[in-house]
């Protein structure tokens, strides 16, 4: 298995893909990788800088948070199964977003109450709880006792993933504003001798459009830092294959166009 790409290597992959999907605005640019911004680009007499970033780039932290709540769910179910002399079970569910450590206690408490109310269904092998347990960040939709499995496990097959890239539009737009805010906060570090573009790669569910409300938030946060802010819908799978939605570019903010 090839080692994961470094941040700079990923930037070199993302930039040409982004420019190729940008249409005429992305054609004809030559670029040189550097720091703050990540690239200097030239096209004829035009000179710009492009900063490339990703929503939640620390995927290791994201997975650790998701693994944390998955373990809480698994252990709560395991205790109920073992109390009925069972040896294994499967758990199906999904997460819309990560559960932060401060929220885990409340999820664990609510799940324990749910299992106390419905856990009798797990008193026999192949018994199942089909009453969904909903919490703010996701849901457990199905729990089935399977003694021959020998362990309590979360389903991780197709359409049964606790850790996937499915997110709703409101969450993605909120994360977009947070990502741009972080970049603006370190704006004094950028070389601003040329106009700057910010490209935010969205590795989650494709965002179909950027709402007017979010554009307003971005405008207020951005000030005059970035002349353009783009969302690059590019799923996490690499390389792109027939099962992967094709990358799409959205213009989230364009100060130079607005002035026309």
Protein backbone atom coordinates (compact mmCIF):
# COMPACT_ATOMS: atom_id res chain seq x y z
CA UNK A 1 0.00 0.00 0.00
CA UNK A 2 1.34 3.42 -0.93
CA UNK A 3 2.04 5.79 1.96
CA UNK A 4 -0.50 8.63 2.47
CA UNK A 5 0.22 11.88 0.70
CA UNK A 6 1.74 14.74 2.65
CA UNK A 7 -0.15 18.03 2.86
CA UNK A 8 2.02 19.62 0.17
CA UNK A 9 1.59 16.60 -2.10
CA UNK A 10 -2.18 16.76 -1.66
CA UNK A 11 -2.10 20.47 -2.49
CA UNK A 12 -0.28 19.66 -5.75
CA UNK A 13 -3.04 17.17 -6.60
CA UNK A 14 -5.92 19.46 -5.63
CA UNK A 15 -4.80 22.63 -7.43
CA UNK A 16 -4.71 21.32 -11.05
CA UNK A 17 -7.96 19.37 -10.46
CA UNK A 18 -9.58 22.56 -9.16
CA UNK A 19 -8.34 24.70 -12.06
CA UNK A 20 -9.52 22.08 -14.58
CA UNK A 21 -13.04 22.21 -13.11
CA UNK A 22 -13.15 26.01 -12.90
CA UNK A 23 -13.83 26.52 -16.59
CA UNK A 24 -12.44 29.55 -18.40
CA UNK A 25 -11.38 31.19 -15.14
CA UNK A 26 -9.11 28.21 -14.48
CA UNK A 27 -7.58 27.85 -17.96
CA UNK A 28 -4.05 28.82 -18.90
CA UNK A 29 -2.54 29.28 -15.46
CA UNK A 30 1.03 28.27 -14.65
CA UNK A 31 1.82 27.82 -11.00
CA UNK A 32 4.67 27.49 -8.54
CA UNK A 33 4.29 25.94 -5.11
CA UNK A 34 5.41 28.02 -2.16
CA UNK A 35 4.20 28.94 1.36
CA UNK A 36 1.50 31.40 2.49
CA UNK A 37 -0.11 31.31 0.01
CA UNK A 38 0.46 27.75 -1.19
CA UNK A 39 0.84 28.78 -4.84
CA UNK A 40 1.74 31.76 -6.99
CA UNK A 41 -0.11 31.56 -10.31
CA UNK A 42 0.38 33.48 -13.56
CA UNK A 43 -1.64 33.80 -16.75
CA UNK A 44 -0.45 36.43 -19.17
CA UNK A 45 -0.27 39.66 -17.17
CA UNK A 46 -2.47 38.27 -14.36
CA UNK A 47 -0.83 37.41 -11.03
CA UNK A 48 -2.64 35.76 -8.13
CA UNK A 49 -1.89 33.72 -5.05
CA UNK A 50 -3.94 30.63 -4.19
CA UNK A 51 -4.26 29.12 -0.73
CA UNK A 52 -5.54 25.52 -0.68
CA UNK A 53 -7.14 24.10 2.45
CA UNK A 54 -9.51 21.32 3.44
CA UNK A 55 -12.47 21.04 5.76
CA UNK A 56 -11.30 19.21 8.87
CA UNK A 57 -7.88 18.32 7.45
CA UNK A 58 -6.98 16.36 10.61
CA UNK A 59 -8.87 13.23 9.60
CA UNK A 60 -6.98 11.27 12.26
CA UNK A 61 -8.58 13.40 14.98
CA UNK A 62 -11.97 13.08 13.31
CA UNK A 63 -11.69 9.29 13.20
CA UNK A 64 -10.52 9.20 16.83
CA UNK A 65 -13.62 11.14 17.89
CA UNK A 66 -15.88 8.83 15.91
CA UNK A 67 -14.12 5.77 17.32
CA UNK A 68 -14.68 7.16 20.83
CA UNK A 69 -18.45 7.32 20.52
CA UNK A 70 -18.51 3.99 18.66
CA UNK A 71 -16.78 2.37 21.65
CA UNK A 72 -19.33 3.88 24.07
CA UNK A 73 -22.18 2.47 21.98
CA UNK A 74 -20.48 -0.92 21.70
CA UNK A 75 -19.80 -1.20 25.45
CA UNK A 76 -23.35 -0.23 26.43
CA UNK A 77 -24.78 -2.89 24.13
CA UNK A 78 -22.20 -5.46 25.25
CA UNK A 79 -23.27 -5.09 28.90
CA UNK A 80 -26.91 -5.71 28.02
CA UNK A 81 -26.10 -8.71 25.82
CA UNK A 82 -23.88 -10.27 28.47
CA UNK A 83 -26.52 -9.67 31.14
CA UNK A 84 -28.72 -12.03 29.08
CA UNK A 85 -25.86 -14.56 28.72
CA UNK A 86 -25.30 -13.54 25.11
CA UNK A 87 -21.93 -13.56 23.34
CA UNK A 88 -22.31 -11.20 20.41
CA UNK A 89 -24.35 -8.62 18.54
CA UNK A 90 -24.31 -6.31 15.54
CA UNK A 91 -25.12 -2.61 15.71
CA UNK A 92 -26.20 -0.53 12.73
CA UNK A 93 -26.22 3.24 12.72
CA UNK A 94 -24.73 6.44 11.34
CA UNK A 95 -23.07 9.65 12.43
CA UNK A 96 -23.86 13.05 10.91
CA UNK A 97 -20.97 14.63 12.80
CA UNK A 98 -18.43 13.75 15.46
CA UNK A 99 -19.38 13.56 19.13
CA UNK A 100 -17.06 15.76 21.14
CA UNK A 101 -15.81 14.42 24.51
CA UNK A 102 -18.01 16.90 26.41
CA UNK A 103 -21.13 15.36 24.80
CA UNK A 104 -20.27 11.69 25.25
CA UNK A 105 -21.59 11.39 28.82
CA UNK A 106 -25.06 12.57 27.80
CA UNK A 107 -25.14 10.20 24.80
CA UNK A 108 -24.06 7.29 27.02
CA UNK A 109 -26.73 8.16 29.63
CA UNK A 110 -29.50 8.40 27.02
CA UNK A 111 -28.41 5.16 25.33
CA UNK A 112 -28.38 3.31 28.65
CA UNK A 113 -31.95 4.47 29.28
CA UNK A 114 -32.96 3.36 25.76
CA UNK A 115 -31.44 -0.07 26.32
CA UNK A 116 -33.09 -0.41 29.72
CA UNK A 117 -36.46 0.20 28.08
CA UNK A 118 -35.95 -2.03 25.02
CA UNK A 119 -33.14 -4.41 26.01
CA UNK A 120 -35.42 -7.37 26.73
CA UNK A 121 -35.50 -7.96 22.97
CA UNK A 122 -31.87 -9.10 23.27
CA UNK A 123 -32.70 -11.86 25.79
CA UNK A 124 -32.63 -14.48 23.02
CA UNK A 125 -30.26 -15.19 20.15
CA UNK A 126 -31.35 -13.30 17.00
CA UNK A 127 -33.52 -11.03 19.09
CA UNK A 128 -33.41 -7.45 17.81
CA UNK A 129 -34.10 -3.86 18.88
CA UNK A 130 -35.59 -2.04 15.92
CA UNK A 131 -36.63 1.07 17.83
CA UNK A 132 -34.08 3.71 16.73
CA UNK A 133 -32.00 5.55 19.29
CA UNK A 134 -31.52 9.14 18.10
CA UNK A 135 -28.98 11.57 19.48
CA UNK A 136 -27.91 15.00 18.27
CA UNK A 137 -25.06 13.75 16.10
CA UNK A 138 -26.58 10.58 14.65
CA UNK A 139 -28.58 7.44 15.41
CA UNK A 140 -28.40 3.74 16.25
CA UNK A 141 -31.02 2.20 13.99
CA UNK A 142 -30.78 -1.55 14.67
CA UNK A 143 -29.24 -3.87 17.28
CA UNK A 144 -29.39 -7.63 16.82
CA UNK A 145 -28.02 -10.31 19.11
CA UNK A 146 -25.83 -12.87 17.30
CA UNK A 147 -24.18 -15.29 19.68
CA UNK A 148 -22.22 -17.09 16.96
CA UNK A 149 -20.45 -13.80 16.18
CA UNK A 150 -18.68 -13.96 19.52
CA UNK A 151 -18.34 -10.17 19.84
CA UNK A 152 -20.31 -6.94 19.72
CA UNK A 153 -19.47 -5.04 16.57
CA UNK A 154 -20.64 -2.08 14.52
CA UNK A 155 -21.51 -2.76 10.92
CA UNK A 156 -19.04 -1.15 8.53
CA UNK A 157 -20.16 -2.38 5.11
CA UNK A 158 -21.66 -0.38 2.27
CA UNK A 159 -24.50 1.86 3.49
CA UNK A 160 -23.76 0.78 7.06
CA UNK A 161 -20.91 3.00 8.14
CA UNK A 162 -20.50 4.82 11.42
CA UNK A 163 -17.52 6.67 9.97
CA UNK A 164 -18.35 7.89 6.49
CA UNK A 165 -18.34 11.14 4.58
CA UNK A 166 -22.10 11.75 4.61
CA UNK A 167 -22.91 15.20 5.96
CA UNK A 168 -25.90 17.51 5.48
CA UNK A 169 -25.63 20.88 3.76
CA UNK A 170 -26.11 22.92 6.93
CA UNK A 171 -23.18 21.18 8.60
CA UNK A 172 -20.93 21.65 5.56
CA UNK A 173 -21.79 25.34 5.25
CA UNK A 174 -21.08 25.84 8.95
CA UNK A 175 -17.73 24.11 8.52
CA UNK A 176 -17.02 26.30 5.46
CA UNK A 177 -17.50 29.47 7.51
CA UNK A 178 -15.31 28.06 10.31
CA UNK A 179 -12.57 27.12 7.83
CA UNK A 180 -12.53 30.55 6.19
CA UNK A 181 -12.52 32.21 9.61
CA UNK A 182 -9.40 30.30 10.62
CA UNK A 183 -7.62 31.36 7.43
CA UNK A 184 -8.55 35.01 7.86
CA UNK A 185 -7.30 34.95 11.45
CA UNK A 186 -3.78 34.17 10.22
CA UNK A 187 -4.03 36.60 7.31
CA UNK A 188 -0.99 38.63 8.40
CA UNK A 189 1.19 35.64 7.48
CA UNK A 190 0.25 35.75 3.79
CA UNK A 191 2.14 37.48 1.03
CA UNK A 192 -0.54 39.91 -0.16
CA UNK A 193 1.42 41.54 -2.95
CA UNK A 194 -1.09 39.95 -5.35
CA UNK A 195 -4.82 39.12 -5.05
CA UNK A 196 -5.50 35.93 -3.07
CA UNK A 197 -7.94 33.13 -3.79
CA UNK A 198 -8.93 30.58 -1.16
CA UNK A 199 -9.86 27.06 -2.32
CA UNK A 200 -11.64 24.99 0.33
CA UNK A 201 -11.84 21.31 -0.53
CA UNK A 202 -15.02 19.66 0.72
CA UNK A 203 -14.36 15.88 1.05
CA UNK A 204 -17.90 15.20 2.29
CA UNK A 205 -21.28 15.04 0.56
CA UNK A 206 -21.29 17.40 -2.42
CA UNK A 207 -22.68 20.81 -1.51
CA UNK A 208 -25.15 21.72 -4.30
CA UNK A 209 -24.94 25.48 -3.67
CA UNK A 210 -23.88 28.06 -1.10
CA UNK A 211 -26.84 29.76 0.59
CA UNK A 212 -27.24 33.53 0.66
CA UNK A 213 -27.04 33.42 4.46
CA UNK A 214 -23.68 31.67 4.32
CA UNK A 215 -22.41 34.06 1.65
CA UNK A 216 -23.31 36.91 4.01
CA UNK A 217 -21.37 35.29 6.86
CA UNK A 218 -18.39 34.70 4.60
CA UNK A 219 -18.41 38.31 3.42
CA UNK A 220 -18.45 39.58 7.00
CA UNK A 221 -15.69 37.21 8.12
CA UNK A 222 -13.51 37.68 5.06
CA UNK A 223 -13.45 41.47 4.76
CA UNK A 224 -10.97 42.10 1.96
CA UNK A 225 -8.62 39.20 2.74
CA UNK A 226 -9.47 36.85 -0.15
CA UNK A 227 -10.68 38.18 -3.48
CA UNK A 228 -12.39 34.87 -4.16
CA UNK A 229 -13.42 31.90 -2.02
CA UNK A 230 -14.24 28.64 -3.77
CA UNK A 231 -15.70 25.38 -2.51
CA UNK A 232 -14.14 22.40 -4.31
CA UNK A 233 -16.50 19.45 -3.89
CA UNK A 234 -14.01 16.59 -4.12
CA UNK A 235 -14.89 13.35 -2.32
CA UNK A 236 -12.32 11.67 -0.11
CA UNK A 237 -11.85 8.59 -2.32
CA UNK A 238 -8.63 8.73 -4.32
CA UNK A 239 -8.36 8.22 -7.23
CA UNK A 240 -11.76 9.18 -8.62
CA UNK A 241 -13.56 6.17 -10.06
CA UNK A 242 -16.95 5.37 -11.53
CA UNK A 243 -18.55 5.23 -8.07
CA UNK A 244 -17.26 8.65 -7.02
CA UNK A 245 -19.20 11.86 -7.75
CA UNK A 246 -17.22 14.03 -10.16
CA UNK A 247 -15.58 17.10 -8.58
CA UNK A 248 -17.56 20.34 -8.74
CA UNK A 249 -16.46 23.93 -8.03
CA UNK A 250 -18.77 26.46 -6.34
CA UNK A 251 -18.04 30.16 -6.02
CA UNK A 252 -18.72 31.08 -2.40
CA UNK A 253 -17.39 34.64 -2.55
CA UNK A 254 -16.07 36.82 -5.37
CA UNK A 255 -15.21 40.41 -4.45
CA UNK A 256 -13.83 41.27 -7.89
CA UNK A 257 -16.97 40.00 -9.65
CA UNK A 258 -19.26 41.76 -7.23
CA UNK A 259 -17.61 45.05 -8.14
CA UNK A 260 -18.47 44.63 -11.83
